[in-house]
Amino acid sequence: MKPDDELAERFRAGDEHALRLAYDRYGGAVLYLGVRLLGNRADAEDVTQTTFVAAWQGRGTFDPERGGMLGWLLGIARRKAVDRLRSAAREERVATTVRAQPMADEESPERVLDRLVVADELAQLPAEQRRSLELAFYDDLTHPQIAALTGLPLGTVKSHIRRGMANLRRRWEVDGAASGSRSAGPSRAL
């Protein structure tokens, strides 16, 4: 049995020492891929860590018949890096949305906070839900217009908007919001 095969077998069996050996042996390659994909060493280090955590938690899915451990780890790392890139893009869209909202000079700090909470919650929604809500509230489109624009069935658009609003409402309740602007329901000025 080759050393890599033995390491893979011990890793799959849950030997924590094998996790350390795998990290020592393959961590540099995973980090290199992360830096190449993300262009940022700090993010690549985070991706490396999450890759090994995910690999350890999903070690039962590793199949040596389908390829080596390095290839399996690099596949996980690639998916984690793509997730990181998508998350950064989502955060940038939220920041752009917040910056694009007109703010009156006399706007209260509570109102600004409300905008940030909405933008943060929108960023956490699934992409199609978020897009439907943005089109409805920021672009002032009707449900049929959103369905035509996105190619989604009208019922799906309505469901996305309803679920998205329910998520926003739950967020309001969790944050303990009691201000008048929040209790009056959703506002077009979001």
N, C-alpha and C. Protein backbone atom coordinates (compact mmCIF):
# COMPACT_ATOMS: atom_id res chain seq x y z
N MET A 1 0.85 -1.19 0.00
CA MET A 1 0.00 0.00 0.00
C MET A 1 0.89 1.24 0.00
N LYS A 2 0.59 2.18 -0.90
CA LYS A 2 1.35 3.41 -1.00
C LYS A 2 1.06 4.30 0.21
N PRO A 3 2.02 5.17 0.56
CA PRO A 3 1.80 6.07 1.71
C PRO A 3 0.55 6.93 1.57
N ASP A 4 0.27 7.43 0.35
CA ASP A 4 -0.93 8.25 0.15
C ASP A 4 -2.20 7.44 0.38
N ASP A 5 -2.19 6.18 -0.07
CA ASP A 5 -3.36 5.32 0.13
C ASP A 5 -3.57 5.05 1.61
N GLU A 6 -2.48 4.83 2.32
CA GLU A 6 -2.58 4.57 3.76
C GLU A 6 -3.11 5.82 4.48
N LEU A 7 -2.61 6.98 4.10
CA LEU A 7 -3.09 8.23 4.70
C LEU A 7 -4.57 8.41 4.42
N ALA A 8 -4.98 8.18 3.20
CA ALA A 8 -6.39 8.33 2.83
C ALA A 8 -7.27 7.38 3.63
N GLU A 9 -6.81 6.17 3.79
CA GLU A 9 -7.59 5.17 4.54
C GLU A 9 -7.71 5.57 6.01
N ARG A 10 -6.63 6.02 6.59
CA ARG A 10 -6.66 6.47 8.00
C ARG A 10 -7.54 7.71 8.15
N PHE A 11 -7.47 8.62 7.17
CA PHE A 11 -8.30 9.82 7.18
C PHE A 11 -9.77 9.45 7.15
N ARG A 12 -10.14 8.58 6.22
CA ARG A 12 -11.53 8.14 6.10
C ARG A 12 -12.01 7.43 7.35
N ALA A 13 -11.10 6.77 8.05
CA ALA A 13 -11.47 6.04 9.27
C ALA A 13 -11.63 6.97 10.48
N GLY A 14 -11.27 8.25 10.32
CA GLY A 14 -11.45 9.20 11.42
C GLY A 14 -10.24 9.37 12.31
N ASP A 15 -9.08 8.97 11.84
CA ASP A 15 -7.84 9.14 12.60
C ASP A 15 -7.43 10.61 12.56
N GLU A 16 -7.52 11.29 13.71
CA GLU A 16 -7.22 12.71 13.77
C GLU A 16 -5.76 13.01 13.41
N HIS A 17 -4.88 12.10 13.71
CA HIS A 17 -3.47 12.29 13.32
C HIS A 17 -3.36 12.32 11.79
N ALA A 18 -4.18 11.55 11.11
CA ALA A 18 -4.16 11.55 9.64
C ALA A 18 -4.64 12.90 9.11
N LEU A 19 -5.56 13.55 9.81
CA LEU A 19 -5.99 14.89 9.41
C LEU A 19 -4.80 15.84 9.44
N ARG A 20 -4.03 15.78 10.51
CA ARG A 20 -2.84 16.65 10.63
C ARG A 20 -1.83 16.34 9.52
N LEU A 21 -1.62 15.06 9.27
CA LEU A 21 -0.70 14.67 8.20
C LEU A 21 -1.19 15.15 6.83
N ALA A 22 -2.50 15.04 6.60
CA ALA A 22 -3.08 15.50 5.33
C ALA A 22 -2.89 17.00 5.19
N TYR A 23 -3.10 17.72 6.28
CA TYR A 23 -2.91 19.16 6.24
C TYR A 23 -1.45 19.50 5.94
N ASP A 24 -0.54 18.82 6.62
CA ASP A 24 0.89 19.07 6.40
C ASP A 24 1.29 18.75 4.96
N ARG A 25 0.73 17.69 4.42
CA ARG A 25 1.11 17.24 3.08
C ARG A 25 0.44 18.06 1.98
N TYR A 26 -0.85 18.41 2.15
CA TYR A 26 -1.61 19.03 1.06
C TYR A 26 -2.02 20.47 1.32
N GLY A 27 -1.80 20.96 2.52
CA GLY A 27 -2.23 22.31 2.86
C GLY A 27 -1.62 23.38 1.98
N GLY A 28 -0.36 23.22 1.61
CA GLY A 28 0.31 24.20 0.75
C GLY A 28 -0.34 24.28 -0.62
N ALA A 29 -0.72 23.13 -1.17
CA ALA A 29 -1.36 23.12 -2.49
C ALA A 29 -2.75 23.76 -2.41
N VAL A 30 -3.47 23.48 -1.34
CA VAL A 30 -4.80 24.08 -1.15
C VAL A 30 -4.66 25.59 -1.00
N LEU A 31 -3.69 26.02 -0.21
CA LEU A 31 -3.46 27.46 -0.02
C LEU A 31 -3.07 28.12 -1.34
N TYR A 32 -2.21 27.48 -2.10
CA TYR A 32 -1.79 28.03 -3.40
C TYR A 32 -3.00 28.23 -4.32
N LEU A 33 -3.88 27.22 -4.38
CA LEU A 33 -5.07 27.33 -5.21
C LEU A 33 -5.95 28.49 -4.71
N GLY A 34 -6.10 28.60 -3.40
CA GLY A 34 -6.90 29.69 -2.84
C GLY A 34 -6.35 31.06 -3.21
N VAL A 35 -5.04 31.22 -3.11
CA VAL A 35 -4.42 32.50 -3.47
C VAL A 35 -4.63 32.78 -4.95
N ARG A 36 -4.46 31.76 -5.80
CA ARG A 36 -4.64 31.95 -7.24
C ARG A 36 -6.08 32.35 -7.58
N LEU A 37 -7.05 31.73 -6.91
CA LEU A 37 -8.45 32.01 -7.22
C LEU A 37 -8.94 33.31 -6.60
N LEU A 38 -8.47 33.62 -5.38
CA LEU A 38 -8.98 34.76 -4.64
C LEU A 38 -8.10 36.00 -4.74
N GLY A 39 -6.81 35.79 -4.99
CA GLY A 39 -5.90 36.92 -5.09
C GLY A 39 -5.60 37.58 -3.76
N ASN A 40 -5.91 36.91 -2.68
CA ASN A 40 -5.77 37.48 -1.35
C ASN A 40 -5.36 36.38 -0.39
N ARG A 41 -4.20 36.52 0.22
CA ARG A 41 -3.69 35.45 1.08
C ARG A 41 -4.57 35.22 2.32
N ALA A 42 -5.08 36.28 2.91
CA ALA A 42 -5.92 36.11 4.11
C ALA A 42 -7.17 35.30 3.78
N ASP A 43 -7.84 35.64 2.67
CA ASP A 43 -9.02 34.87 2.26
C ASP A 43 -8.63 33.44 1.90
N ALA A 44 -7.47 33.27 1.26
CA ALA A 44 -7.01 31.93 0.89
C ALA A 44 -6.74 31.09 2.14
N GLU A 45 -6.21 31.70 3.18
CA GLU A 45 -5.98 30.97 4.43
C GLU A 45 -7.30 30.53 5.05
N ASP A 46 -8.31 31.41 4.99
CA ASP A 46 -9.64 31.03 5.49
C ASP A 46 -10.22 29.88 4.68
N VAL A 47 -10.06 29.94 3.36
CA VAL A 47 -10.55 28.88 2.50
C VAL A 47 -9.81 27.57 2.78
N THR A 48 -8.53 27.66 3.04
CA THR A 48 -7.76 26.46 3.36
C THR A 48 -8.31 25.81 4.63
N GLN A 49 -8.55 26.63 5.64
CA GLN A 49 -9.09 26.09 6.89
C GLN A 49 -10.48 25.48 6.67
N THR A 50 -11.36 26.19 5.98
CA THR A 50 -12.71 25.65 5.76
C THR A 50 -12.68 24.41 4.88
N THR A 51 -11.70 24.33 3.98
CA THR A 51 -11.57 23.14 3.14
C THR A 51 -11.26 21.92 4.00
N PHE A 52 -10.32 22.05 4.90
CA PHE A 52 -9.96 20.90 5.73
C PHE A 52 -11.06 20.55 6.74
N VAL A 53 -11.76 21.55 7.23
CA VAL A 53 -12.89 21.27 8.12
C VAL A 53 -13.97 20.52 7.34
N ALA A 54 -14.29 21.00 6.14
CA ALA A 54 -15.31 20.34 5.32
C ALA A 54 -14.86 18.93 4.93
N ALA A 55 -13.58 18.78 4.61
CA ALA A 55 -13.08 17.46 4.24
C ALA A 55 -13.19 16.49 5.43
N TRP A 56 -12.85 16.98 6.60
CA TRP A 56 -12.93 16.13 7.78
C TRP A 56 -14.38 15.73 8.07
N GLN A 57 -15.28 16.71 7.98
CA GLN A 57 -16.68 16.42 8.25
C GLN A 57 -17.29 15.52 7.18
N GLY A 58 -16.80 15.61 5.96
CA GLY A 58 -17.33 14.79 4.87
C GLY A 58 -16.39 13.69 4.44
N ARG A 59 -15.51 13.27 5.32
CA ARG A 59 -14.48 12.30 4.96
C ARG A 59 -15.06 10.99 4.42
N GLY A 60 -16.28 10.68 4.81
CA GLY A 60 -16.92 9.46 4.32
C GLY A 60 -17.25 9.52 2.84
N THR A 61 -17.26 10.71 2.27
CA THR A 61 -17.58 10.85 0.84
C THR A 61 -16.35 10.69 -0.05
N PHE A 62 -15.17 10.67 0.56
CA PHE A 62 -13.96 10.50 -0.25
C PHE A 62 -13.91 9.08 -0.78
N ASP A 63 -13.77 8.97 -2.09
CA ASP A 63 -13.72 7.67 -2.76
C ASP A 63 -12.39 7.56 -3.49
N PRO A 64 -11.44 6.78 -2.97
CA PRO A 64 -10.13 6.66 -3.62
C PRO A 64 -10.22 6.08 -5.03
N GLU A 65 -11.31 5.42 -5.36
CA GLU A 65 -11.49 4.88 -6.71
C GLU A 65 -11.69 6.00 -7.74
N ARG A 66 -12.17 7.16 -7.28
CA ARG A 66 -12.46 8.28 -8.18
C ARG A 66 -11.27 9.22 -8.33
N GLY A 67 -10.26 9.07 -7.49
CA GLY A 67 -9.09 9.93 -7.60
C GLY A 67 -8.37 10.02 -6.26
N GLY A 68 -7.28 10.76 -6.28
CA GLY A 68 -6.46 10.89 -5.08
C GLY A 68 -7.02 11.92 -4.11
N MET A 69 -6.45 11.90 -2.93
CA MET A 69 -6.88 12.79 -1.87
C MET A 69 -6.60 14.26 -2.23
N LEU A 70 -5.49 14.52 -2.89
CA LEU A 70 -5.17 15.89 -3.27
C LEU A 70 -6.23 16.45 -4.21
N GLY A 71 -6.60 15.70 -5.21
CA GLY A 71 -7.64 16.14 -6.14
C GLY A 71 -8.96 16.39 -5.44
N TRP A 72 -9.30 15.54 -4.52
CA TRP A 72 -10.54 15.69 -3.74
C TRP A 72 -10.49 16.97 -2.91
N LEU A 73 -9.37 17.20 -2.24
CA LEU A 73 -9.22 18.40 -1.43
C LEU A 73 -9.24 19.67 -2.29
N LEU A 74 -8.59 19.62 -3.46
CA LEU A 74 -8.59 20.79 -4.34
C LEU A 74 -9.99 21.08 -4.88
N GLY A 75 -10.77 20.04 -5.10
CA GLY A 75 -12.16 20.24 -5.52
C GLY A 75 -12.97 20.95 -4.45
N ILE A 76 -12.78 20.53 -3.21
CA ILE A 76 -13.46 21.19 -2.09
C ILE A 76 -12.99 22.64 -1.99
N ALA A 77 -11.67 22.85 -2.09
CA ALA A 77 -11.12 24.20 -1.99
C ALA A 77 -11.66 25.10 -3.08
N ARG A 78 -11.78 24.58 -4.28
CA ARG A 78 -12.31 25.38 -5.38
C ARG A 78 -13.74 25.81 -5.08
N ARG A 79 -14.56 24.90 -4.59
CA ARG A 79 -15.95 25.25 -4.25
C ARG A 79 -15.99 26.28 -3.12
N LYS A 80 -15.12 26.14 -2.14
CA LYS A 80 -15.09 27.10 -1.03
C LYS A 80 -14.63 28.48 -1.52
N ALA A 81 -13.67 28.50 -2.44
CA ALA A 81 -13.20 29.78 -2.99
C ALA A 81 -14.30 30.45 -3.81
N VAL A 82 -15.03 29.67 -4.60
CA VAL A 82 -16.14 30.22 -5.38
C VAL A 82 -17.20 30.78 -4.44
N ASP A 83 -17.49 30.04 -3.35
CA ASP A 83 -18.45 30.54 -2.35
C ASP A 83 -17.97 31.87 -1.79
N ARG A 84 -16.68 31.98 -1.51
CA ARG A 84 -16.12 33.23 -0.97
C ARG A 84 -16.26 34.37 -1.97
N LEU A 85 -15.99 34.09 -3.24
CA LEU A 85 -16.14 35.11 -4.28
C LEU A 85 -17.58 35.56 -4.42
N ARG A 86 -18.50 34.62 -4.37
CA ARG A 86 -19.93 34.97 -4.46
C ARG A 86 -20.35 35.80 -3.27
N SER A 87 -19.86 35.44 -2.10
CA SER A 87 -20.20 36.19 -0.89
C SER A 87 -19.68 37.62 -0.99
N ALA A 88 -18.45 37.78 -1.48
CA ALA A 88 -17.89 39.13 -1.64
C ALA A 88 -18.68 39.93 -2.66
N ALA A 89 -19.10 39.29 -3.73
CA ALA A 89 -19.90 39.99 -4.74
C ALA A 89 -21.24 40.41 -4.15
N ARG A 90 -21.83 39.54 -3.34
CA ARG A 90 -23.10 39.85 -2.69
C ARG A 90 -22.94 41.04 -1.75
N GLU A 91 -21.88 41.04 -0.98
CA GLU A 91 -21.62 42.15 -0.06
C GLU A 91 -21.42 43.46 -0.82
N GLU A 92 -20.74 43.38 -1.96
CA GLU A 92 -20.54 44.58 -2.77
C GLU A 92 -21.86 45.09 -3.33
N ARG A 93 -22.73 44.16 -3.76
CA ARG A 93 -24.05 44.59 -4.26
C ARG A 93 -24.85 45.27 -3.16
N VAL A 94 -24.78 44.74 -1.93
CA VAL A 94 -25.49 45.36 -0.81
C VAL A 94 -24.94 46.76 -0.56
N ALA A 95 -23.62 46.88 -0.55
CA ALA A 95 -23.01 48.19 -0.30
C ALA A 95 -23.40 49.17 -1.41
N THR A 96 -23.40 48.71 -2.64
CA THR A 96 -23.80 49.57 -3.75
C THR A 96 -25.25 49.99 -3.61
N THR A 97 -26.10 49.05 -3.21
CA THR A 97 -27.53 49.35 -3.02
C THR A 97 -27.71 50.40 -1.94
N VAL A 98 -27.01 50.23 -0.84
CA VAL A 98 -27.13 51.19 0.27
C VAL A 98 -26.62 52.56 -0.17
N ARG A 99 -25.50 52.60 -0.88
CA ARG A 99 -24.96 53.88 -1.33
C ARG A 99 -25.89 54.56 -2.33
N ALA A 100 -26.61 53.76 -3.13
CA ALA A 100 -27.48 54.32 -4.17
C ALA A 100 -28.78 54.89 -3.60
N GLN A 101 -29.11 54.54 -2.38
CA GLN A 101 -30.36 55.03 -1.81
C GLN A 101 -30.22 56.49 -1.42
N PRO A 102 -31.20 57.30 -1.86
CA PRO A 102 -31.13 58.72 -1.49
C PRO A 102 -31.34 58.88 0.01
N MET A 103 -30.54 59.73 0.61
CA MET A 103 -30.66 59.98 2.05
C MET A 103 -30.81 61.47 2.26
N ALA A 104 -31.86 61.81 2.95
CA ALA A 104 -32.09 63.22 3.28
C ALA A 104 -31.09 63.64 4.35
N ASP A 105 -30.72 64.90 4.32
CA ASP A 105 -29.77 65.41 5.31
C ASP A 105 -30.29 65.22 6.73
N GLU A 106 -31.60 65.31 6.90
CA GLU A 106 -32.17 65.21 8.24
C GLU A 106 -32.56 63.77 8.60
N GLU A 107 -32.13 62.80 7.81
CA GLU A 107 -32.50 61.42 8.07
C GLU A 107 -31.94 60.96 9.41
N SER A 108 -32.79 60.33 10.18
CA SER A 108 -32.41 59.91 11.52
C SER A 108 -31.46 58.71 11.48
N PRO A 109 -30.67 58.55 12.52
CA PRO A 109 -29.80 57.38 12.60
C PRO A 109 -30.60 56.07 12.58
N GLU A 110 -31.80 56.09 13.17
CA GLU A 110 -32.63 54.89 13.17
C GLU A 110 -33.02 54.49 11.75
N ARG A 111 -33.32 55.48 10.92
CA ARG A 111 -33.70 55.22 9.54
C ARG A 111 -32.52 54.67 8.75
N VAL A 112 -31.34 55.21 8.98
CA VAL A 112 -30.14 54.70 8.33
C VAL A 112 -29.90 53.26 8.77
N LEU A 113 -30.08 53.00 10.06
CA LEU A 113 -29.92 51.64 10.58
C LEU A 113 -30.92 50.70 9.93
N ASP A 114 -32.16 51.16 9.78
CA ASP A 114 -33.18 50.34 9.11
C ASP A 114 -32.71 49.95 7.71
N ARG A 115 -32.16 50.91 6.96
CA ARG A 115 -31.68 50.63 5.61
C ARG A 115 -30.58 49.57 5.63
N LEU A 116 -29.67 49.70 6.59
CA LEU A 116 -28.57 48.73 6.68
C LEU A 116 -29.07 47.35 7.04
N VAL A 117 -30.05 47.28 7.93
CA VAL A 117 -30.62 45.99 8.31
C VAL A 117 -31.28 45.34 7.10
N VAL A 118 -32.04 46.12 6.34
CA VAL A 118 -32.70 45.59 5.14
C VAL A 118 -31.64 45.11 4.14
N ALA A 119 -30.62 45.91 3.91
CA ALA A 119 -29.58 45.52 2.96
C ALA A 119 -28.87 44.25 3.42
N ASP A 120 -28.59 44.15 4.72
CA ASP A 120 -27.95 42.96 5.26
C ASP A 120 -28.84 41.74 5.11
N GLU A 121 -30.12 41.88 5.41
CA GLU A 121 -31.03 40.76 5.29
C GLU A 121 -31.20 40.35 3.84
N LEU A 122 -31.28 41.32 2.93
CA LEU A 122 -31.38 40.99 1.51
C LEU A 122 -30.16 40.18 1.06
N ALA A 123 -29.00 40.53 1.57
CA ALA A 123 -27.78 39.82 1.18
C ALA A 123 -27.80 38.36 1.62
N GLN A 124 -28.58 38.04 2.63
CA GLN A 124 -28.61 36.68 3.14
C GLN A 124 -29.69 35.82 2.48
N LEU A 125 -30.53 36.42 1.67
CA LEU A 125 -31.58 35.67 0.98
C LEU A 125 -31.00 34.90 -0.20
N PRO A 126 -31.67 33.83 -0.60
CA PRO A 126 -31.26 33.15 -1.84
C PRO A 126 -31.35 34.14 -3.01
N ALA A 127 -30.52 33.94 -4.01
CA ALA A 127 -30.37 34.90 -5.11
C ALA A 127 -31.70 35.24 -5.78
N GLU A 128 -32.53 34.25 -6.10
CA GLU A 128 -33.77 34.55 -6.82
C GLU A 128 -34.75 35.31 -5.93
N GLN A 129 -34.80 34.97 -4.63
CA GLN A 129 -35.66 35.71 -3.70
C GLN A 129 -35.21 37.16 -3.61
N ARG A 130 -33.91 37.36 -3.43
CA ARG A 130 -33.36 38.70 -3.30
C ARG A 130 -33.64 39.52 -4.58
N ARG A 131 -33.40 38.90 -5.73
CA ARG A 131 -33.62 39.60 -7.00
C ARG A 131 -35.08 40.01 -7.15
N SER A 132 -36.01 39.12 -6.79
CA SER A 132 -37.44 39.44 -6.90
C SER A 132 -37.80 40.61 -5.99
N LEU A 133 -37.30 40.61 -4.76
CA LEU A 133 -37.58 41.71 -3.85
C LEU A 133 -36.97 43.02 -4.34
N GLU A 134 -35.75 42.97 -4.83
CA GLU A 134 -35.10 44.18 -5.33
C GLU A 134 -35.87 44.76 -6.51
N LEU A 135 -36.33 43.90 -7.41
CA LEU A 135 -37.08 44.38 -8.56
C LEU A 135 -38.42 44.97 -8.13
N ALA A 136 -39.04 44.36 -7.12
CA ALA A 136 -40.34 44.85 -6.66
C ALA A 136 -40.21 46.18 -5.94
N PHE A 137 -39.24 46.30 -5.05
CA PHE A 137 -39.17 47.48 -4.20
C PHE A 137 -38.25 48.58 -4.72
N TYR A 138 -37.11 48.22 -5.28
CA TYR A 138 -36.20 49.24 -5.76
C TYR A 138 -36.55 49.72 -7.17
N ASP A 139 -36.98 48.76 -8.01
CA ASP A 139 -37.32 49.12 -9.39
C ASP A 139 -38.81 49.33 -9.58
N ASP A 140 -39.61 49.08 -8.55
CA ASP A 140 -41.05 49.32 -8.54
C ASP A 140 -41.76 48.56 -9.66
N LEU A 141 -41.35 47.29 -9.87
CA LEU A 141 -41.98 46.46 -10.89
C LEU A 141 -43.11 45.64 -10.27
N THR A 142 -44.11 45.33 -11.08
CA THR A 142 -45.21 44.47 -10.62
C THR A 142 -44.76 43.01 -10.68
N HIS A 143 -45.54 42.14 -10.06
CA HIS A 143 -45.20 40.72 -10.09
C HIS A 143 -45.14 40.18 -11.52
N PRO A 144 -46.14 40.48 -12.37
CA PRO A 144 -46.04 39.99 -13.76
C PRO A 144 -44.82 40.55 -14.50
N GLN A 145 -44.44 41.79 -14.23
CA GLN A 145 -43.26 42.36 -14.87
C GLN A 145 -41.99 41.62 -14.42
N ILE A 146 -41.93 41.30 -13.13
CA ILE A 146 -40.77 40.56 -12.59
C ILE A 146 -40.70 39.19 -13.23
N ALA A 147 -41.85 38.52 -13.35
CA ALA A 147 -41.90 37.19 -13.96
C ALA A 147 -41.40 37.26 -15.41
N ALA A 148 -41.84 38.27 -16.14
CA ALA A 148 -41.41 38.41 -17.53
C ALA A 148 -39.92 38.70 -17.63
N LEU A 149 -39.42 39.55 -16.74
CA LEU A 149 -38.01 39.94 -16.76
C LEU A 149 -37.09 38.78 -16.38
N THR A 150 -37.47 38.03 -15.35
CA THR A 150 -36.60 36.95 -14.84
C THR A 150 -36.83 35.61 -15.51
N GLY A 151 -38.00 35.46 -16.15
CA GLY A 151 -38.32 34.16 -16.76
C GLY A 151 -38.87 33.16 -15.76
N LEU A 152 -39.12 33.60 -14.53
CA LEU A 152 -39.69 32.74 -13.50
C LEU A 152 -41.21 32.73 -13.63
N PRO A 153 -41.87 31.62 -13.25
CA PRO A 153 -43.33 31.61 -13.24
C PRO A 153 -43.85 32.66 -12.25
N LEU A 154 -45.02 33.21 -12.54
CA LEU A 154 -45.62 34.25 -11.70
C LEU A 154 -45.78 33.78 -10.26
N GLY A 155 -46.24 32.55 -10.07
CA GLY A 155 -46.41 32.01 -8.71
C GLY A 155 -45.10 31.93 -7.95
N THR A 156 -44.03 31.61 -8.65
CA THR A 156 -42.71 31.54 -8.02
C THR A 156 -42.26 32.93 -7.59
N VAL A 157 -42.48 33.92 -8.44
CA VAL A 157 -42.13 35.30 -8.10
C VAL A 157 -42.88 35.72 -6.84
N LYS A 158 -44.17 35.44 -6.81
CA LYS A 158 -44.97 35.80 -5.65
C LYS A 158 -44.46 35.10 -4.39
N SER A 159 -44.13 33.82 -4.53
CA SER A 159 -43.59 33.06 -3.39
C SER A 159 -42.26 33.63 -2.92
N HIS A 160 -41.39 33.97 -3.87
CA HIS A 160 -40.09 34.56 -3.49
C HIS A 160 -40.29 35.86 -2.72
N ILE A 161 -41.19 36.69 -3.19
CA ILE A 161 -41.42 37.97 -2.52
C ILE A 161 -42.04 37.74 -1.15
N ARG A 162 -43.01 36.84 -1.06
CA ARG A 162 -43.65 36.56 0.23
C ARG A 162 -42.64 36.00 1.23
N ARG A 163 -41.84 35.03 0.80
CA ARG A 163 -40.83 34.45 1.70
C ARG A 163 -39.77 35.47 2.09
N GLY A 164 -39.36 36.27 1.14
CA GLY A 164 -38.37 37.31 1.43
C GLY A 164 -38.89 38.30 2.45
N MET A 165 -40.14 38.72 2.27
CA MET A 165 -40.74 39.65 3.23
C MET A 165 -40.88 39.00 4.60
N ALA A 166 -41.21 37.71 4.63
CA ALA A 166 -41.31 37.00 5.92
C ALA A 166 -39.94 36.97 6.60
N ASN A 167 -38.89 36.76 5.83
CA ASN A 167 -37.54 36.78 6.41
C ASN A 167 -37.21 38.15 6.97
N LEU A 168 -37.55 39.19 6.22
CA LEU A 168 -37.31 40.54 6.71
C LEU A 168 -38.10 40.81 7.98
N ARG A 169 -39.36 40.37 8.01
CA ARG A 169 -40.20 40.58 9.19
C ARG A 169 -39.59 39.86 10.41
N ARG A 170 -39.14 38.62 10.19
CA ARG A 170 -38.51 37.88 11.31
C ARG A 170 -37.27 38.61 11.80
N ARG A 171 -36.52 39.17 10.88
CA ARG A 171 -35.31 39.91 11.26
C ARG A 171 -35.67 41.12 12.11
N TRP A 172 -36.73 41.80 11.70
CA TRP A 172 -37.19 42.96 12.48
C TRP A 172 -37.53 42.51 13.90
N GLU A 173 -38.26 41.40 14.01
CA GLU A 173 -38.69 40.91 15.33
C GLU A 173 -37.49 40.48 16.17
N VAL A 174 -36.53 39.81 15.55
CA VAL A 174 -35.35 39.35 16.27
C VAL A 174 -34.53 40.53 16.77
N ASP A 175 -34.44 41.56 15.96
CA ASP A 175 -33.67 42.74 16.35
C ASP A 175 -34.41 43.59 17.39
N GLY A 176 -35.64 43.21 17.72
CA GLY A 176 -36.39 43.95 18.74
C GLY A 176 -36.81 45.32 18.27
N ALA A 177 -37.06 45.44 16.98
CA ALA A 177 -37.42 46.74 16.42
C ALA A 177 -38.77 47.19 16.94
N ALA A 178 -38.84 48.40 17.44
CA ALA A 178 -40.09 48.92 17.94
C ALA A 178 -40.38 50.30 17.39
N SER A 179 -39.52 50.79 16.48
CA SER A 179 -39.74 52.15 15.99
C SER A 179 -40.96 52.19 15.08
N GLY A 180 -41.55 53.35 14.95
CA GLY A 180 -42.76 53.52 14.15
C GLY A 180 -42.57 53.14 12.69
N SER A 181 -41.40 53.43 12.12
CA SER A 181 -41.19 53.14 10.71
C SER A 181 -41.20 51.64 10.47
N ARG A 182 -40.79 50.85 11.44
CA ARG A 182 -40.75 49.41 11.27
C ARG A 182 -42.12 48.79 11.49
N SER A 183 -42.88 49.31 12.43
CA SER A 183 -44.16 48.70 12.73
C SER A 183 -45.23 49.05 11.71
N ALA A 184 -44.98 50.04 10.89
CA ALA A 184 -45.96 50.44 9.89
C ALA A 184 -45.94 49.55 8.65
N GLY A 185 -45.03 48.58 8.60
CA GLY A 185 -44.96 47.69 7.45
C GLY A 185 -43.86 48.11 6.51
N PRO A 186 -43.73 47.39 5.40
CA PRO A 186 -42.65 47.69 4.46
C PRO A 186 -42.85 49.05 3.82
N SER A 187 -41.74 49.71 3.57
CA SER A 187 -41.77 51.05 3.00
C SER A 187 -41.12 51.02 1.63
N ARG A 188 -41.64 51.79 0.70
CA ARG A 188 -41.04 51.91 -0.63
C ARG A 188 -39.69 52.60 -0.55
N ALA A 189 -39.42 53.30 0.54
CA ALA A 189 -38.17 54.06 0.65
C ALA A 189 -37.03 53.20 1.13
N LEU A 190 -37.21 51.89 1.20
CA LEU A 190 -36.13 51.02 1.64
C LEU A 190 -34.96 51.24 0.74
